[in-house]
C-alpha atoms as a PDB file:
ATOM      1  CA  UNK A   1       0.000   0.000   0.000  1.00  0.00           C
ATOM      2  CA  UNK A   2       1.112   3.559  -0.595  1.00  0.00           C
ATOM      3  CA  UNK A   3       1.056   6.163   2.164  1.00  0.00           C
ATOM      4  CA  UNK A   4      -2.467   7.399   1.447  1.00  0.00           C
ATOM      5  CA  UNK A   5      -3.852   3.858   1.370  1.00  0.00           C
ATOM      6  CA  UNK A   6      -2.096   3.039   4.640  1.00  0.00           C
ATOM      7  CA  UNK A   7      -3.630   5.946   6.510  1.00  0.00           C
ATOM      8  CA  UNK A   8      -7.030   5.400   4.894  1.00  0.00           C
ATOM      9  CA  UNK A   9      -6.978   1.821   6.179  1.00  0.00           C
ATOM     10  CA  UNK A  10      -6.192   3.045   9.705  1.00  0.00           C
ATOM     11  CA  UNK A  11      -8.859   5.744   9.879  1.00  0.00           C
ATOM     12  CA  UNK A  12     -11.568   3.523  11.355  1.00  0.00           C
ATOM     13  CA  UNK A  13      -9.465   2.358  14.286  1.00  0.00           C
ATOM     14  CA  UNK A  14      -7.100   5.308  14.641  1.00  0.00           C
ATOM     15  CA  UNK A  15      -8.828   6.749  17.710  1.00  0.00           C
ATOM     16  CA  UNK A  16      -8.466   3.453  19.571  1.00  0.00           C
ATOM     17  CA  UNK A  17      -4.788   3.151  18.669  1.00  0.00           C
ATOM     18  CA  UNK A  18      -3.794   6.638  19.766  1.00  0.00           C
ATOM     19  CA  UNK A  19      -5.156   6.013  23.266  1.00  0.00           C
ATOM     20  CA  UNK A  20      -1.973   4.020  23.868  1.00  0.00           C
ATOM     21  CA  UNK A  21       0.064   7.185  23.414  1.00  0.00           C
ATOM     22  CA  UNK A  22      -2.175  10.072  24.520  1.00  0.00           C
ATOM     23  CA  UNK A  23      -1.034  10.538  28.124  1.00  0.00           C
ATOM     24  CA  UNK A  24       0.213  14.068  27.436  1.00  0.00           C
ATOM     25  CA  UNK A  25      -2.546  15.156  25.061  1.00  0.00           C
ATOM     26  CA  UNK A  26      -4.347  17.174  27.798  1.00  0.00           C
ATOM     27  CA  UNK A  27      -1.066  18.986  28.540  1.00  0.00           C
ATOM     28  CA  UNK A  28      -0.705  19.830  24.848  1.00  0.00           C
ATOM     29  CA  UNK A  29      -4.254  21.207  24.793  1.00  0.00           C
ATOM     30  CA  UNK A  30      -3.492  23.447  27.782  1.00  0.00           C
ATOM     31  CA  UNK A  31      -0.336  24.760  26.129  1.00  0.00           C
ATOM     32  CA  UNK A  32      -2.200  25.483  22.905  1.00  0.00           C
ATOM     33  CA  UNK A  33      -4.657  27.653  24.775  1.00  0.00           C
ATOM     34  CA  UNK A  34      -1.751  29.882  25.781  1.00  0.00           C
ATOM     35  CA  UNK A  35       0.553  29.627  22.766  1.00  0.00           C
ATOM     36  CA  UNK A  36      -2.142  30.319  20.149  1.00  0.00           C
ATOM     37  CA  UNK A  37      -4.356  32.757  22.011  1.00  0.00           C
ATOM     38  CA  UNK A  38      -5.307  35.664  19.777  1.00  0.00           C
ATOM     39  CA  UNK A  39      -4.155  34.118  16.489  1.00  0.00           C
ATOM     40  CA  UNK A  40      -6.518  34.746  13.595  1.00  0.00           C
ATOM     41  CA  UNK A  41      -5.776  31.684  11.480  1.00  0.00           C
ATOM     42  CA  UNK A  42      -4.104  28.305  11.885  1.00  0.00           C
ATOM     43  CA  UNK A  43      -3.277  25.514   9.462  1.00  0.00           C
ATOM     44  CA  UNK A  44      -3.405  22.088  11.080  1.00  0.00           C
ATOM     45  CA  UNK A  45      -1.278  19.578   9.168  1.00  0.00           C
ATOM     46  CA  UNK A  46      -1.712  15.812   9.618  1.00  0.00           C
ATOM     47  CA  UNK A  47      -4.831  16.425  11.692  1.00  0.00           C
ATOM     48  CA  UNK A  48      -5.830  12.760  11.668  1.00  0.00           C
ATOM     49  CA  UNK A  49      -9.295  12.281  13.102  1.00  0.00           C
ATOM     50  CA  UNK A  50      -9.153  15.518  15.083  1.00  0.00           C
ATOM     51  CA  UNK A  51      -7.337  14.826  18.337  1.00  0.00           C
ATOM     52  CA  UNK A  52      -6.545  18.548  18.689  1.00  0.00           C
ATOM     53  CA  UNK A  53      -8.772  20.259  16.129  1.00  0.00           C
ATOM     54  CA  UNK A  54     -11.479  21.285  18.578  1.00  0.00           C
ATOM     55  CA  UNK A  55      -8.842  22.704  20.943  1.00  0.00           C
ATOM     56  CA  UNK A  56      -7.448  24.780  18.099  1.00  0.00           C
ATOM     57  CA  UNK A  57     -10.932  25.999  17.189  1.00  0.00           C
ATOM     58  CA  UNK A  58     -11.462  27.269  20.737  1.00  0.00           C
ATOM     59  CA  UNK A  59      -8.530  29.701  20.563  1.00  0.00           C
ATOM     60  CA  UNK A  60      -8.074  30.523  16.849  1.00  0.00           C
ATOM     61  CA  UNK A  61     -10.619  32.410  14.761  1.00  0.00           C
ATOM     62  CA  UNK A  62     -10.209  30.220  11.644  1.00  0.00           C
ATOM     63  CA  UNK A  63      -8.736  26.720  11.433  1.00  0.00           C
ATOM     64  CA  UNK A  64      -7.972  24.836   8.235  1.00  0.00           C
ATOM     65  CA  UNK A  65      -7.549  21.187   9.242  1.00  0.00           C
ATOM     66  CA  UNK A  66      -5.798  18.966   6.706  1.00  0.00           C
ATOM     67  CA  UNK A  67      -4.604  15.422   6.289  1.00  0.00           C
ATOM     68  CA  UNK A  68      -3.094  13.320   3.527  1.00  0.00           C
ATOM     69  CA  UNK A  69      -5.840  10.710   3.958  1.00  0.00           C
ATOM     70  CA  UNK A  70      -9.363  11.444   2.650  1.00  0.00           C
ATOM     71  CA  UNK A  71     -10.771   8.881   5.094  1.00  0.00           C
ATOM     72  CA  UNK A  72      -9.155  10.697   8.034  1.00  0.00           C
ATOM     73  CA  UNK A  73     -10.551  14.011   6.808  1.00  0.00           C
ATOM     74  CA  UNK A  74     -14.037  12.492   6.536  1.00  0.00           C
ATOM     75  CA  UNK A  75     -13.919  11.302  10.141  1.00  0.00           C
ATOM     76  CA  UNK A  76     -12.470  14.611  11.284  1.00  0.00           C
ATOM     77  CA  UNK A  77     -15.299  16.468   9.601  1.00  0.00           C
ATOM     78  CA  UNK A  78     -17.860  14.294  11.358  1.00  0.00           C
ATOM     79  CA  UNK A  79     -16.265  15.023  14.741  1.00  0.00           C
ATOM     80  CA  UNK A  80     -16.267  18.770  14.176  1.00  0.00           C
ATOM     81  CA  UNK A  81     -19.842  18.883  12.861  1.00  0.00           C
ATOM     82  CA  UNK A  82     -21.073  16.763  15.779  1.00  0.00           C
ATOM     83  CA  UNK A  83     -19.519  19.301  18.141  1.00  0.00           C
ATOM     84  CA  UNK A  84     -21.354  22.139  16.410  1.00  0.00           C
ATOM     85  CA  UNK A  85     -18.096  23.943  15.638  1.00  0.00           C
ATOM     86  CA  UNK A  86     -18.311  26.309  12.665  1.00  0.00           C
ATOM     87  CA  UNK A  87     -14.856  27.907  12.347  1.00  0.00           C
ATOM     88  CA  UNK A  88     -13.056  24.828  10.958  1.00  0.00           C
ATOM     89  CA  UNK A  89     -12.527  24.090   7.272  1.00  0.00           C
ATOM     90  CA  UNK A  90     -11.270  20.763   5.928  1.00  0.00           C
ATOM     91  CA  UNK A  91      -8.977  19.755   3.098  1.00  0.00           C
ATOM     92  CA  UNK A  92      -7.099  16.703   1.893  1.00  0.00           C
ATOM     93  CA  UNK A  93      -3.536  17.896   1.550  1.00  0.00           C
ATOM     94  CA  UNK A  94       0.045  16.631   1.614  1.00  0.00           C
ATOM     95  CA  UNK A  95       2.435  18.253   4.074  1.00  0.00           C
ATOM     96  CA  UNK A  96       4.972  18.296   1.251  1.00  0.00           C
ATOM     97  CA  UNK A  97       2.802  20.449  -1.033  1.00  0.00           C
ATOM     98  CA  UNK A  98       0.451  22.666   0.941  1.00  0.00           C
ATOM     99  CA  UNK A  99      -2.285  24.267  -1.143  1.00  0.00           C
ATOM    100  CA  UNK A 100      -1.930  27.656   0.530  1.00  0.00           C
ATOM    101  CA  UNK A 101      -0.450  31.003  -0.383  1.00  0.00           C
ATOM    102  CA  UNK A 102       2.871  32.186   0.992  1.00  0.00           C
ATOM    103  CA  UNK A 103       2.502  33.819   4.395  1.00  0.00           C
ATOM    104  CA  UNK A 104      -1.207  33.090   4.633  1.00  0.00           C
ATOM    105  CA  UNK A 105      -1.428  31.663   8.186  1.00  0.00           C
ATOM    106  CA  UNK A 106      -0.655  33.044  11.619  1.00  0.00           C
ATOM    107  CA  UNK A 107       0.106  29.562  12.923  1.00  0.00           C
ATOM    108  CA  UNK A 108       0.930  26.079  11.719  1.00  0.00           C
ATOM    109  CA  UNK A 109       0.210  23.159  14.021  1.00  0.00           C
ATOM    110  CA  UNK A 110       1.532  19.685  13.234  1.00  0.00           C
ATOM    111  CA  UNK A 111       1.157  17.107  15.989  1.00  0.00           C
ATOM    112  CA  UNK A 112       2.922  13.761  16.126  1.00  0.00           C
ATOM    113  CA  UNK A 113       3.657  13.516  12.435  1.00  0.00           C
ATOM    114  CA  UNK A 114       7.202  14.694  11.697  1.00  0.00           C
ATOM    115  CA  UNK A 115       8.682  11.395  12.892  1.00  0.00           C
ATOM    116  CA  UNK A 116       6.567   9.316  10.463  1.00  0.00           C
ATOM    117  CA  UNK A 117       7.428  11.497   7.456  1.00  0.00           C
ATOM    118  CA  UNK A 118      10.122  10.222   5.123  1.00  0.00           C
ATOM    119  CA  UNK A 119      11.060  13.853   4.327  1.00  0.00           C
ATOM    120  CA  UNK A 120      10.254  15.969   7.409  1.00  0.00           C
ATOM    121  CA  UNK A 121      12.581  18.727   6.226  1.00  0.00           C
ATOM    122  CA  UNK A 122      10.432  19.107   3.107  1.00  0.00           C
ATOM    123  CA  UNK A 123       7.310  19.502   5.230  1.00  0.00           C
ATOM    124  CA  UNK A 124       9.005  22.028   7.499  1.00  0.00           C
ATOM    125  CA  UNK A 125      10.015  24.064   4.457  1.00  0.00           C
ATOM    126  CA  UNK A 126       6.346  24.202   3.450  1.00  0.00           C
ATOM    127  CA  UNK A 127       5.325  25.168   6.995  1.00  0.00           C
ATOM    128  CA  UNK A 128       7.769  28.068   6.859  1.00  0.00           C
ATOM    129  CA  UNK A 129       6.506  29.151   3.442  1.00  0.00           C
ATOM    130  CA  UNK A 130       2.847  29.437   4.466  1.00  0.00           C
ATOM    131  CA  UNK A 131       3.558  31.184   7.781  1.00  0.00           C
ATOM    132  CA  UNK A 132       3.253  34.929   8.113  1.00  0.00           C
ATOM    133  CA  UNK A 133       6.423  36.742   9.165  1.00  0.00           C
ATOM    134  CA  UNK A 134       5.214  36.877  12.761  1.00  0.00           C
ATOM    135  CA  UNK A 135       3.655  33.393  12.627  1.00  0.00           C
ATOM    136  CA  UNK A 136       4.316  30.524  14.972  1.00  0.00           C
ATOM    137  CA  UNK A 137       4.939  26.820  14.393  1.00  0.00           C
ATOM    138  CA  UNK A 138       3.883  24.350  17.068  1.00  0.00           C
ATOM    139  CA  UNK A 139       5.093  20.811  16.443  1.00  0.00           C
ATOM    140  CA  UNK A 140       4.559  18.293  19.258  1.00  0.00           C
ATOM    141  CA  UNK A 141       6.370  15.152  18.112  1.00  0.00           C
ATOM    142  CA  UNK A 142       6.778  11.655  19.535  1.00  0.00           C
ATOM    143  CA  UNK A 143      10.406  11.173  20.578  1.00  0.00           C
ATOM    144  CA  UNK A 144      11.150   7.671  19.321  1.00  0.00           C
ATOM    145  CA  UNK A 145      14.831   8.311  20.031  1.00  0.00           C
ATOM    146  CA  UNK A 146      14.370   9.553  23.590  1.00  0.00           C
ATOM    147  CA  UNK A 147      16.478   6.689  24.952  1.00  0.00           C
ATOM    148  CA  UNK A 148      17.645   3.180  24.113  1.00  0.00           C
ATOM    149  CA  UNK A 149      14.446   1.512  25.291  1.00  0.00           C
ATOM    150  CA  UNK A 150      12.272   3.789  23.168  1.00  0.00           C
ATOM    151  CA  UNK A 151      14.490   3.294  20.114  1.00  0.00           C
ATOM    152  CA  UNK A 152      14.178  -0.480  20.518  1.00  0.00           C
ATOM    153  CA  UNK A 153      10.394  -0.316  20.939  1.00  0.00           C
ATOM    154  CA  UNK A 154      10.171   1.963  17.914  1.00  0.00           C
ATOM    155  CA  UNK A 155      12.083  -0.486  15.740  1.00  0.00           C
ATOM    156  CA  UNK A 156       9.717  -3.290  16.748  1.00  0.00           C
ATOM    157  CA  UNK A 157       6.629  -1.177  16.071  1.00  0.00           C
ATOM    158  CA  UNK A 158       7.991  -0.097  12.691  1.00  0.00           C
ATOM    159  CA  UNK A 159       8.543  -3.734  11.741  1.00  0.00           C
ATOM    160  CA  UNK A 160       5.127  -5.088  12.755  1.00  0.00           C
ATOM    161  CA  UNK A 161       2.698  -2.160  12.374  1.00  0.00           C
ATOM    162  CA  UNK A 162       1.868   0.592   9.889  1.00  0.00           C
ATOM    163  CA  UNK A 163       3.265   3.201  12.310  1.00  0.00           C
ATOM    164  CA  UNK A 164       6.750   3.414  10.822  1.00  0.00           C
ATOM    165  CA  UNK A 165       9.095   5.920  12.442  1.00  0.00           C
ATOM    166  CA  UNK A 166      11.412   7.373   9.827  1.00  0.00           C
ATOM    167  CA  UNK A 167      13.072   9.667  12.376  1.00  0.00           C
ATOM    168  CA  UNK A 168      13.933   8.508  15.896  1.00  0.00           C
ATOM    169  CA  UNK A 169      14.571  11.847  17.538  1.00  0.00           C
ATOM    170  CA  UNK A 170      15.271  13.021  21.048  1.00  0.00           C
ATOM    171  CA  UNK A 171      14.265  16.552  22.044  1.00  0.00           C
ATOM    172  CA  UNK A 172      17.586  18.080  20.990  1.00  0.00           C
ATOM    173  CA  UNK A 173      17.377  16.325  17.622  1.00  0.00           C
ATOM    174  CA  UNK A 174      13.833  17.571  17.063  1.00  0.00           C
ATOM    175  CA  UNK A 175      14.880  21.143  17.793  1.00  0.00           C
ATOM    176  CA  UNK A 176      17.856  20.833  15.443  1.00  0.00           C
ATOM    177  CA  UNK A 177      15.579  19.535  12.676  1.00  0.00           C
ATOM    178  CA  UNK A 178      13.262  22.518  13.089  1.00  0.00           C
ATOM    179  CA  UNK A 179      16.112  25.021  13.279  1.00  0.00           C
ATOM    180  CA  UNK A 180      17.765  23.639  10.147  1.00  0.00           C
ATOM    181  CA  UNK A 181      14.511  24.353   8.284  1.00  0.00           C
ATOM    182  CA  UNK A 182      14.794  28.074   9.023  1.00  0.00           C
ATOM    183  CA  UNK A 183      13.054  28.415  12.373  1.00  0.00           C
ATOM    184  CA  UNK A 184      14.089  29.833  15.720  1.00  0.00           C
ATOM    185  CA  UNK A 185      13.043  27.820  18.787  1.00  0.00           C
ATOM    186  CA  UNK A 186      10.956  29.889  21.191  1.00  0.00           C
ATOM    187  CA  UNK A 187       9.933  27.119  23.585  1.00  0.00           C
ATOM    188  CA  UNK A 188      10.557  23.439  24.180  1.00  0.00           C
ATOM    189  CA  UNK A 189       9.411  20.816  26.665  1.00  0.00           C
ATOM    190  CA  UNK A 190       9.479  17.047  27.035  1.00  0.00           C
ATOM    191  CA  UNK A 191       6.084  15.652  27.996  1.00  0.00           C
ATOM    192  CA  UNK A 192       5.742  12.126  29.439  1.00  0.00           C
ATOM    193  CA  UNK A 193       4.282   9.071  27.726  1.00  0.00           C
ATOM    194  CA  UNK A 194       5.007   5.621  26.361  1.00  0.00           C
ATOM    195  CA  UNK A 195       6.903   7.659  23.814  1.00  0.00           C
ATOM    196  CA  UNK A 196       7.623  11.106  25.280  1.00  0.00           C
ATOM    197  CA  UNK A 197       6.425  14.068  23.251  1.00  0.00           C
ATOM    198  CA  UNK A 198       8.736  16.916  22.354  1.00  0.00           C
ATOM    199  CA  UNK A 199       6.618  20.064  22.434  1.00  0.00           C
ATOM    200  CA  UNK A 200       8.340  22.673  20.291  1.00  0.00           C
ATOM    201  CA  UNK A 201       7.262  26.250  19.585  1.00  0.00           C
ATOM    202  CA  UNK A 202       9.170  28.070  16.846  1.00  0.00           C
ATOM    203  CA  UNK A 203       9.129  31.258  14.821  1.00  0.00           C
ATOM    204  CA  UNK A 204      10.477  32.007  11.372  1.00  0.00           C
ATOM    205  CA  UNK A 205      14.169  32.879  11.525  1.00  0.00           C
ATOM    206  CA  UNK A 206      15.756  35.538   9.354  1.00  0.00           C
END
């Protein structure tokens, strides 16, 4: 299966799977309320079935929630409509080729996806392109390279499940990846979990 087919096949059970890894999701939601307060527009990349979309919609005037998988976007749309939320738009979109104008968003949010991208630097370049000069990137990412035990578990998961980690990063490595794409780190934290989450806030550099 190609990447789109893989994520389409996971859409129906994705919510059950992520419960294994969502220990720090409430902490991420609390941080979003502070880090995105007052932003007019946010692009959510790799939104999945909407683990954070409603949180974004509470603090940002307009959210465009996107995913590579049409099946994920369908489920996400159902979640948002069921909640009666009206300030979220949906689109099927690759992180490598965002259908958005340069500088058109105040924020880009990409949760727990950089490590499963074969070319995360390409995605980060697109994030930088669509951000306004004073925009902010928030990229919580599972740290599959946090320590030896997590690296070993990650290798097993990548061999036996569709959740293949292309990048096994620790927090320093995640920050370096973001900085090399033309961002300046404004905040960082390691949040606990089966795989810890590196919560990174960055602004455009230069």
